[in-house]
Protein backbone atom coordinates (compact mmCIF):
# COMPACT_ATOMS: atom_id res chain seq x y z
CA MET A 1 41.99 39.28 -119.38
CA LYS A 2 45.06 39.54 -117.66
CA ILE A 3 48.05 37.01 -117.00
CA PHE A 4 50.62 36.70 -115.31
CA LEU A 5 54.26 35.87 -117.60
CA THR A 6 57.49 34.85 -116.47
CA GLY A 7 60.70 34.73 -118.64
CA GLY A 8 58.65 37.31 -120.92
CA SER A 9 62.07 39.68 -121.71
CA ARG A 10 63.63 37.42 -124.55
CA GLY A 11 63.39 34.41 -127.08
CA ILE A 12 60.34 32.47 -126.63
CA GLY A 13 59.13 34.17 -123.42
CA LEU A 14 59.10 37.29 -125.55
CA VAL A 15 57.45 36.04 -128.56
CA ILE A 16 54.66 34.84 -125.78
CA LYS A 17 54.21 38.03 -124.58
CA ASN A 18 54.10 39.92 -128.14
CA THR A 19 51.52 37.11 -129.57
CA LEU A 20 49.18 37.47 -126.78
CA GLU A 21 49.48 41.28 -126.28
CA GLN A 22 48.23 41.04 -129.84
CA ALA A 23 45.17 38.58 -129.35
CA GLY A 24 44.45 41.86 -126.36
CA ILE A 25 45.45 40.44 -123.83
CA GLU A 26 46.79 42.17 -121.00
CA VAL A 27 50.41 40.83 -119.98
CA ILE A 28 52.24 41.24 -116.36
CA HIS A 29 56.03 40.51 -117.20
CA PRO A 30 58.38 41.47 -114.97
CA THR A 31 61.77 41.36 -115.59
CA SER A 32 64.52 39.43 -113.26
CA GLU A 33 65.01 42.75 -111.92
CA GLU A 34 61.90 43.57 -110.48
CA LEU A 35 60.92 39.87 -109.62
CA ASP A 36 64.18 37.75 -108.75
CA LEU A 37 62.95 34.24 -108.78
CA SER A 38 66.40 32.61 -108.19
CA ILE A 39 65.35 33.78 -104.23
CA ASP A 40 62.44 33.48 -102.05
CA PHE A 41 60.68 36.16 -103.22
CA ASN A 42 57.02 37.95 -102.11
CA ILE A 43 54.50 39.67 -104.19
CA GLU A 44 51.47 41.24 -104.14
CA PRO A 45 48.62 38.57 -104.54
CA ILE A 46 47.42 39.90 -108.39
CA LEU A 47 44.13 38.92 -109.55
CA VAL A 48 44.79 37.26 -113.26
CA ASP A 49 42.88 34.64 -115.57
CA GLY A 50 46.03 32.64 -116.35
CA PHE A 51 49.75 32.04 -115.37
CA ILE A 52 52.85 31.19 -118.00
CA HIS A 53 55.80 30.49 -116.83
CA CYS A 54 58.67 30.63 -119.38
CA ALA A 55 61.92 31.55 -117.23
CA GLY A 56 64.42 29.12 -117.01
CA ILE A 57 68.18 28.08 -116.70
CA ASN A 58 70.57 25.65 -117.46
CA ILE A 59 73.91 25.05 -116.04
CA ILE A 60 75.76 21.80 -117.53
CA ALA A 61 77.81 19.69 -115.60
CA ASP A 62 77.81 15.91 -114.94
CA HIS A 63 77.02 14.62 -112.05
CA LYS A 64 80.32 14.77 -110.72
CA ASN A 65 80.65 17.98 -110.96
CA ILE A 66 77.49 19.11 -109.49
CA ASN A 67 77.98 22.50 -107.71
CA GLN A 68 75.27 22.46 -104.67
CA ALA A 69 74.66 26.47 -105.34
CA GLU A 70 74.31 25.91 -109.04
CA LEU A 71 71.74 23.05 -108.52
CA PHE A 72 69.78 24.97 -106.07
CA GLN A 73 69.59 28.35 -108.45
CA ILE A 74 69.05 26.02 -111.06
CA PHE A 75 65.26 24.32 -108.88
CA GLN A 76 65.21 27.37 -107.72
CA ILE A 77 64.14 29.43 -110.68
CA ASN A 78 62.69 26.50 -113.49
CA THR A 79 60.75 24.56 -110.56
CA PHE A 80 60.42 26.03 -107.20
CA SER A 81 58.99 29.31 -108.38
CA PHE A 82 56.33 28.25 -110.44
CA VAL A 83 55.07 26.26 -107.39
CA SER A 84 55.31 29.60 -105.30
CA LEU A 85 53.71 31.89 -107.91
CA CYS A 86 50.54 29.56 -108.50
CA SER A 87 50.39 29.83 -104.86
CA LYS A 88 51.22 33.50 -104.16
CA LEU A 89 49.04 34.67 -107.41
CA ASN A 90 45.27 34.56 -107.04
CA PHE A 91 43.28 33.31 -110.00
CA THR A 92 39.82 33.79 -111.31
CA GLN A 93 37.66 30.43 -111.81
CA GLY A 94 38.41 28.47 -114.70
CA SER A 95 41.98 30.11 -115.45
CA ASN A 96 45.02 28.22 -116.74
CA ILE A 97 48.29 27.57 -115.99
CA VAL A 98 51.21 26.76 -118.51
CA ALA A 99 54.56 25.64 -117.60
CA ILE A 100 57.07 25.79 -120.05
CA GLY A 101 59.31 22.58 -120.03
CA SER A 102 61.47 21.21 -122.42
CA LEU A 103 61.75 17.55 -123.92
CA TYR A 104 64.13 16.88 -120.86
CA SER A 105 60.71 17.07 -118.96
CA THR A 106 60.64 13.41 -119.65
CA GLN A 107 64.20 12.42 -121.87
CA THR A 108 67.76 13.33 -120.88
CA LYS A 109 71.48 13.18 -122.16
CA GLU A 110 74.98 13.25 -120.91
CA SER A 111 75.88 16.66 -118.77
CA ARG A 112 72.14 17.51 -118.53
CA ILE A 113 70.84 15.99 -115.28
CA GLN A 114 70.61 19.14 -113.11
CA TYR A 115 68.55 20.66 -115.93
CA THR A 116 66.24 17.34 -116.36
CA MET A 117 66.03 16.99 -113.01
CA SER A 118 64.14 20.60 -112.49
CA LYS A 119 62.21 19.74 -115.74
CA HIS A 120 60.85 16.00 -114.64
CA ALA A 121 60.19 18.20 -111.36
CA LEU A 122 58.50 20.79 -112.98
CA TYR A 123 56.48 17.98 -114.50
CA GLY A 124 55.13 16.48 -111.36
CA ALA A 125 54.41 19.92 -110.08
CA VAL A 126 52.08 20.37 -113.02
CA LYS A 127 50.19 17.11 -112.58
CA THR A 128 49.79 17.38 -108.61
CA LEU A 129 48.89 21.26 -109.17
CA ALA A 130 46.39 20.32 -112.08
CA LEU A 131 44.64 17.75 -109.53
CA GLU A 132 44.54 20.43 -106.67
CA LYS A 133 43.03 23.11 -108.90
CA ALA A 134 40.68 21.12 -110.28
CA SER A 135 37.81 22.78 -107.97
CA ASP A 136 37.84 26.24 -109.11
CA LYS A 137 38.21 24.29 -112.90
CA ILE A 138 41.51 26.04 -113.18
CA LYS A 139 43.76 23.80 -115.89
CA VAL A 140 47.32 23.08 -115.17
CA ASN A 141 49.76 22.23 -118.32
CA ILE A 142 52.96 21.69 -119.40
CA ILE A 143 54.55 22.41 -122.92
CA SER A 144 57.77 20.59 -123.78
CA PRO A 145 59.84 22.25 -126.65
CA GLY A 146 62.38 20.86 -128.34
CA PHE A 147 64.97 22.58 -130.63
CA VAL A 148 63.22 26.13 -131.27
CA ASP A 149 64.82 28.46 -133.38
CA THR A 150 66.27 31.37 -131.68
CA THR A 151 68.98 33.39 -131.45
CA LEU A 152 70.27 31.38 -128.52
CA THR A 153 69.89 28.23 -130.07
CA ARG A 154 72.14 29.74 -133.11
CA LYS A 155 74.20 31.31 -130.81
CA ASN A 156 75.06 28.09 -128.87
CA ASN A 157 75.19 26.11 -132.58
CA SER A 158 77.74 25.49 -135.29
CA LYS A 159 75.79 26.25 -138.53
CA GLU A 160 76.89 22.43 -139.21
CA ARG A 161 74.86 21.91 -136.51
CA ILE A 162 72.16 23.80 -137.12
CA ASP A 163 71.97 22.34 -140.98
CA PHE A 164 72.29 18.95 -139.01
CA LEU A 165 68.90 19.42 -136.82
CA ASN A 166 66.94 20.59 -139.95
CA GLU A 167 67.93 18.25 -142.18
CA ASN A 168 67.39 15.45 -139.55
CA ILE A 169 64.78 16.44 -137.64
CA PRO A 170 61.41 15.39 -139.55
CA LEU A 171 59.83 18.98 -139.55
CA GLY A 172 62.92 21.10 -139.04
CA LEU A 173 63.70 23.55 -136.08
CA THR A 174 60.42 24.67 -134.61
CA ASP A 175 59.35 28.10 -134.56
CA SER A 176 59.27 30.29 -131.37
CA CYS A 177 55.46 31.28 -132.61
CA GLU A 178 54.30 27.55 -132.62
CA ILE A 179 54.47 27.56 -128.91
CA ALA A 180 53.06 31.05 -128.75
CA ASN A 181 49.78 29.93 -130.41
CA LEU A 182 49.96 27.04 -128.48
CA CYS A 183 49.81 29.20 -125.02
CA LEU A 184 47.40 31.42 -126.64
CA TYR A 185 45.23 28.52 -127.58
CA LEU A 186 45.80 26.94 -123.70
CA ILE A 187 44.78 30.57 -121.82
CA LYS A 188 42.21 32.05 -124.22
CA GLN A 189 39.97 28.64 -125.39
CA ASN A 190 41.30 25.56 -123.28
CA ASN A 191 38.16 23.75 -121.16
CA ALA A 192 39.04 20.64 -120.49
CA ILE A 193 42.71 19.53 -121.05
CA THR A 194 44.58 19.56 -117.68
CA GLY A 195 47.59 17.96 -116.33
CA GLN A 196 49.32 17.23 -119.46
CA ASN A 197 52.78 17.47 -120.92
CA ILE A 198 52.39 18.69 -124.97
CA ILE A 199 55.69 17.87 -126.68
CA ILE A 200 56.34 20.57 -129.75
CA ASP A 201 59.53 19.46 -131.33
CA GLY A 202 59.47 19.20 -134.99
CA GLY A 203 59.02 15.18 -134.62
CA TYR A 204 62.21 15.28 -133.30
CA SER A 205 61.57 12.82 -130.14
CA LEU A 206 60.08 9.80 -132.91
CA LYS A 207 63.63 9.78 -133.70
CA SER A 208 67.06 8.60 -132.74
CA ILE A 209 69.11 11.52 -133.60
């Protein structure tokens, strides 16, 4: 089995790559230098059994300070490149496609308008592609993580904030392996789930935190 992975160099994407490889799956994972998703790119029409889109960026700004160039870059990497790769890769019948979304695929907060727009659009793309690719038994889903215990999360949040999240999220911060293990299931075993937004957030979205 061979799958194509974006964003596999660090964070959640790296854990996904390692988890799939440990399960005996060949993972094609170009770096951002090898495949620049921020521009209109071309790739060889590789034949794969699945695709996971984990690449993404988040630039914080309120609606009064949106920079059009930044907004386009966010959409290009988070959303447009996913759709483009779904059309440029060649998939075997029965393949699985997984987009890594966010809680902001359905929710939001202040100063996240650009990121939220891109993730809402990504979810919309997933639902539409699930219908369009169903004739080839190709399933398309989105996994939406909440607060994940990564190096970046700990870098961008104070110890007090991390402690607060662990204490107030019902199951605490989510480990990256939980996202990776679900990716492994969807890529290797899923035959009936499609067009769905699967939230992995430790119960965060059940409470007003």
